[in-house]
Every structure is written in structure tokens, then in C-alpha cells.
N, C-alpha and C. Protein backbone atom coordinates (compact mmCIF):
# COMPACT_ATOMS: atom_id res chain seq x y z
N MET A 1 -124.21 -144.90 23.96
CA MET A 1 -124.14 -143.71 23.14
C MET A 1 -125.50 -143.39 22.56
N THR A 2 -125.77 -142.14 22.55
CA THR A 2 -127.06 -141.73 21.98
C THR A 2 -126.89 -141.38 20.52
N ALA A 3 -127.93 -141.59 19.78
CA ALA A 3 -127.88 -141.27 18.35
C ALA A 3 -127.94 -139.76 18.17
N PRO A 4 -127.20 -139.24 17.17
CA PRO A 4 -127.24 -137.79 16.95
C PRO A 4 -128.64 -137.34 16.53
N ARG A 5 -129.04 -136.19 17.04
CA ARG A 5 -130.38 -135.68 16.71
C ARG A 5 -130.35 -135.08 15.31
N ARG A 6 -131.38 -135.35 14.58
CA ARG A 6 -131.50 -134.80 13.24
C ARG A 6 -132.08 -133.40 13.32
N LYS A 7 -131.43 -132.48 12.61
CA LYS A 7 -131.89 -131.11 12.64
C LYS A 7 -133.09 -130.97 11.71
N SER A 8 -134.17 -130.46 12.21
CA SER A 8 -135.36 -130.31 11.37
C SER A 8 -135.30 -128.99 10.61
N LEU A 9 -135.84 -129.01 9.42
CA LEU A 9 -135.87 -127.80 8.61
C LEU A 9 -137.08 -126.97 9.02
N THR A 10 -136.80 -125.74 9.40
CA THR A 10 -137.88 -124.86 9.86
C THR A 10 -138.09 -123.75 8.83
N ILE A 11 -139.06 -122.92 9.09
CA ILE A 11 -139.32 -121.79 8.20
C ILE A 11 -138.12 -120.85 8.17
N ALA A 12 -137.45 -120.70 9.30
CA ALA A 12 -136.26 -119.83 9.35
C ALA A 12 -135.17 -120.37 8.43
N THR A 13 -135.00 -121.68 8.39
CA THR A 13 -133.99 -122.28 7.51
C THR A 13 -134.34 -122.04 6.05
N TYR A 14 -135.60 -122.25 5.72
CA TYR A 14 -136.03 -122.02 4.34
C TYR A 14 -135.89 -120.55 3.94
N SER A 15 -136.19 -119.65 4.86
CA SER A 15 -136.06 -118.23 4.54
C SER A 15 -134.60 -117.84 4.37
N ARG A 16 -133.71 -118.42 5.18
CA ARG A 16 -132.28 -118.16 4.99
C ARG A 16 -131.81 -118.64 3.64
N ILE A 17 -132.24 -119.82 3.25
CA ILE A 17 -131.87 -120.35 1.93
C ILE A 17 -132.41 -119.45 0.83
N ALA A 18 -133.64 -118.98 0.97
CA ALA A 18 -134.23 -118.10 -0.04
C ALA A 18 -133.48 -116.78 -0.12
N ILE A 19 -133.07 -116.25 1.02
CA ILE A 19 -132.32 -114.98 1.03
C ILE A 19 -130.97 -115.17 0.34
N TRP A 20 -130.26 -116.26 0.64
CA TRP A 20 -128.98 -116.51 -0.01
C TRP A 20 -129.13 -116.70 -1.51
N LEU A 21 -130.18 -117.39 -1.93
CA LEU A 21 -130.41 -117.55 -3.37
C LEU A 21 -130.72 -116.22 -4.03
N ALA A 22 -131.50 -115.38 -3.35
CA ALA A 22 -131.81 -114.06 -3.91
C ALA A 22 -130.55 -113.21 -4.02
N LEU A 23 -129.70 -113.25 -2.99
CA LEU A 23 -128.43 -112.51 -3.05
C LEU A 23 -127.53 -113.02 -4.17
N LEU A 24 -127.50 -114.33 -4.33
CA LEU A 24 -126.71 -114.91 -5.42
C LEU A 24 -127.24 -114.47 -6.78
N PHE A 25 -128.54 -114.46 -6.93
CA PHE A 25 -129.17 -114.03 -8.17
C PHE A 25 -128.88 -112.56 -8.46
N ILE A 26 -128.97 -111.71 -7.45
CA ILE A 26 -128.69 -110.28 -7.62
C ILE A 26 -127.22 -110.05 -7.97
N ALA A 27 -126.33 -110.75 -7.27
CA ALA A 27 -124.89 -110.59 -7.54
C ALA A 27 -124.54 -111.05 -8.96
N SER A 28 -125.13 -112.14 -9.40
CA SER A 28 -124.84 -112.60 -10.76
C SER A 28 -125.41 -111.63 -11.79
N GLY A 29 -126.54 -111.00 -11.50
CA GLY A 29 -127.09 -109.99 -12.40
C GLY A 29 -126.17 -108.79 -12.52
N TYR A 30 -125.65 -108.33 -11.37
CA TYR A 30 -124.70 -107.21 -11.41
C TYR A 30 -123.43 -107.58 -12.17
N ALA A 31 -122.95 -108.79 -11.99
CA ALA A 31 -121.74 -109.21 -12.70
C ALA A 31 -121.97 -109.25 -14.21
N LEU A 32 -123.10 -109.80 -14.62
CA LEU A 32 -123.41 -109.85 -16.05
C LEU A 32 -123.60 -108.45 -16.63
N GLN A 33 -124.21 -107.56 -15.88
CA GLN A 33 -124.39 -106.20 -16.34
C GLN A 33 -123.04 -105.50 -16.50
N SER A 34 -122.13 -105.74 -15.58
CA SER A 34 -120.79 -105.16 -15.67
C SER A 34 -120.06 -105.66 -16.91
N VAL A 35 -120.17 -106.95 -17.18
CA VAL A 35 -119.54 -107.51 -18.37
C VAL A 35 -120.14 -106.90 -19.63
N GLN A 36 -121.46 -106.74 -19.64
CA GLN A 36 -122.13 -106.17 -20.81
C GLN A 36 -121.68 -104.72 -21.04
N ILE A 37 -121.57 -103.94 -19.97
CA ILE A 37 -121.13 -102.55 -20.10
C ILE A 37 -119.69 -102.49 -20.60
N ASN A 38 -118.84 -103.38 -20.08
CA ASN A 38 -117.45 -103.40 -20.54
C ASN A 38 -117.36 -103.76 -22.01
N LEU A 39 -118.15 -104.72 -22.46
CA LEU A 39 -118.13 -105.10 -23.87
C LEU A 39 -118.64 -103.96 -24.75
N LEU A 40 -119.67 -103.25 -24.31
CA LEU A 40 -120.20 -102.14 -25.07
C LEU A 40 -119.17 -101.01 -25.18
N THR A 41 -118.50 -100.71 -24.07
CA THR A 41 -117.47 -99.67 -24.07
C THR A 41 -116.32 -100.07 -24.98
N GLN A 42 -115.91 -101.33 -24.91
CA GLN A 42 -114.82 -101.80 -25.76
C GLN A 42 -115.22 -101.73 -27.23
N SER A 43 -116.48 -102.00 -27.52
CA SER A 43 -116.97 -101.92 -28.89
C SER A 43 -116.89 -100.49 -29.40
N ASP A 44 -117.26 -99.52 -28.56
CA ASP A 44 -117.17 -98.11 -28.95
C ASP A 44 -115.72 -97.70 -29.21
N VAL A 45 -114.82 -98.14 -28.35
CA VAL A 45 -113.40 -97.83 -28.52
C VAL A 45 -112.87 -98.46 -29.80
N ASP A 46 -113.24 -99.71 -30.06
CA ASP A 46 -112.78 -100.39 -31.27
C ASP A 46 -113.29 -99.70 -32.53
N SER A 47 -114.54 -99.26 -32.51
CA SER A 47 -115.08 -98.61 -33.71
C SER A 47 -114.40 -97.26 -33.94
N ALA A 48 -114.11 -96.52 -32.89
CA ALA A 48 -113.40 -95.24 -33.05
C ALA A 48 -111.99 -95.48 -33.56
N PHE A 49 -111.32 -96.50 -33.05
CA PHE A 49 -109.97 -96.82 -33.50
C PHE A 49 -109.96 -97.24 -34.96
N SER A 50 -110.90 -98.11 -35.35
CA SER A 50 -110.92 -98.57 -36.73
C SER A 50 -111.28 -97.43 -37.69
N GLU A 51 -112.11 -96.50 -37.23
CA GLU A 51 -112.43 -95.34 -38.06
C GLU A 51 -111.19 -94.47 -38.27
N ALA A 52 -110.41 -94.26 -37.22
CA ALA A 52 -109.18 -93.47 -37.34
C ALA A 52 -108.17 -94.15 -38.25
N VAL A 53 -108.02 -95.46 -38.12
CA VAL A 53 -107.08 -96.19 -38.97
C VAL A 53 -107.52 -96.14 -40.42
N ALA A 54 -108.82 -96.27 -40.66
CA ALA A 54 -109.34 -96.22 -42.03
C ALA A 54 -109.11 -94.84 -42.65
N SER A 55 -109.32 -93.79 -41.89
CA SER A 55 -109.09 -92.45 -42.45
C SER A 55 -107.62 -92.21 -42.73
N GLN A 56 -106.74 -92.72 -41.88
CA GLN A 56 -105.30 -92.59 -42.14
C GLN A 56 -104.89 -93.37 -43.38
N ALA A 57 -105.44 -94.56 -43.54
CA ALA A 57 -105.12 -95.36 -44.72
C ALA A 57 -105.64 -94.68 -45.98
N ALA A 58 -106.84 -94.11 -45.92
CA ALA A 58 -107.39 -93.40 -47.08
C ALA A 58 -106.53 -92.19 -47.43
N GLN A 59 -106.08 -91.46 -46.42
CA GLN A 59 -105.23 -90.30 -46.67
C GLN A 59 -103.89 -90.73 -47.28
N ALA A 60 -103.31 -91.82 -46.79
CA ALA A 60 -102.05 -92.31 -47.33
C ALA A 60 -102.21 -92.75 -48.79
N LEU A 61 -103.30 -93.43 -49.10
CA LEU A 61 -103.53 -93.84 -50.48
C LEU A 61 -103.76 -92.64 -51.40
N LYS A 62 -104.46 -91.64 -50.91
CA LYS A 62 -104.70 -90.43 -51.71
C LYS A 62 -103.38 -89.71 -51.98
N THR A 63 -102.53 -89.61 -50.97
CA THR A 63 -101.22 -88.98 -51.15
C THR A 63 -100.37 -89.74 -52.15
N ARG A 64 -100.39 -91.07 -52.04
CA ARG A 64 -99.62 -91.90 -52.97
C ARG A 64 -100.13 -91.74 -54.40
N LEU A 65 -101.45 -91.67 -54.56
CA LEU A 65 -102.05 -91.48 -55.88
C LEU A 65 -101.68 -90.12 -56.45
N ASP A 66 -101.71 -89.08 -55.63
CA ASP A 66 -101.32 -87.73 -56.09
C ASP A 66 -99.86 -87.71 -56.51
N ASP A 67 -98.98 -88.35 -55.74
CA ASP A 67 -97.56 -88.42 -56.09
C ASP A 67 -97.36 -89.15 -57.41
N THR A 68 -98.08 -90.24 -57.60
CA THR A 68 -97.95 -91.00 -58.85
C THR A 68 -98.44 -90.18 -60.04
N GLN A 69 -99.52 -89.45 -59.87
CA GLN A 69 -100.03 -88.61 -60.97
C GLN A 69 -99.05 -87.50 -61.31
N ARG A 70 -98.42 -86.89 -60.28
CA ARG A 70 -97.43 -85.84 -60.53
C ARG A 70 -96.20 -86.40 -61.24
N LEU A 71 -95.79 -87.62 -60.87
CA LEU A 71 -94.63 -88.23 -61.54
C LEU A 71 -94.94 -88.53 -62.99
N GLN A 72 -96.16 -88.95 -63.30
CA GLN A 72 -96.51 -89.26 -64.68
C GLN A 72 -96.58 -87.99 -65.52
N LEU A 73 -97.01 -86.90 -64.92
CA LEU A 73 -97.10 -85.64 -65.67
C LEU A 73 -95.72 -85.00 -65.87
N ALA A 74 -94.77 -85.29 -65.02
CA ALA A 74 -93.47 -84.68 -65.11
C ALA A 74 -92.61 -85.25 -66.21
């Protein structure tokens, strides 16, 4: 039986490895950018929602205060 031949690393092998690493780096950058955009969009939605809830709560408290003042004057 002959011994298996060892595959030598050539410039083509190194360039393939470099290309795959570059593609992996680019793909991970796109994934992180997508996550960042989603978090920013969610932050905008959350701030708009909290602003609407705060204005509704302020209006409810103002109405309750006006009702209480009218009851005291009556």
C-alpha cells in the first residue's frame, strides 16, 4: 500500500481561504447593520407610543381634575 499524498497549500488555496473570510466578514457586517436598523426603528416606534400614552394619561388626569373641581364648587 502506498502512503496517501499530502496536499500542498498553494496560492490558489490561500486565495480561496481569503475570499471566504472576506465574504464572511461582509455578511456579518450586513447582519449587524440590519440588527442596528431594526433596533433604531423599534426605538422610534417605542418613543412615539410612549408619547401617545403620556398625552392620553395627561388628558385623563386633567379631565379628572376638572371633574373634581366642578364637584367641589357644586
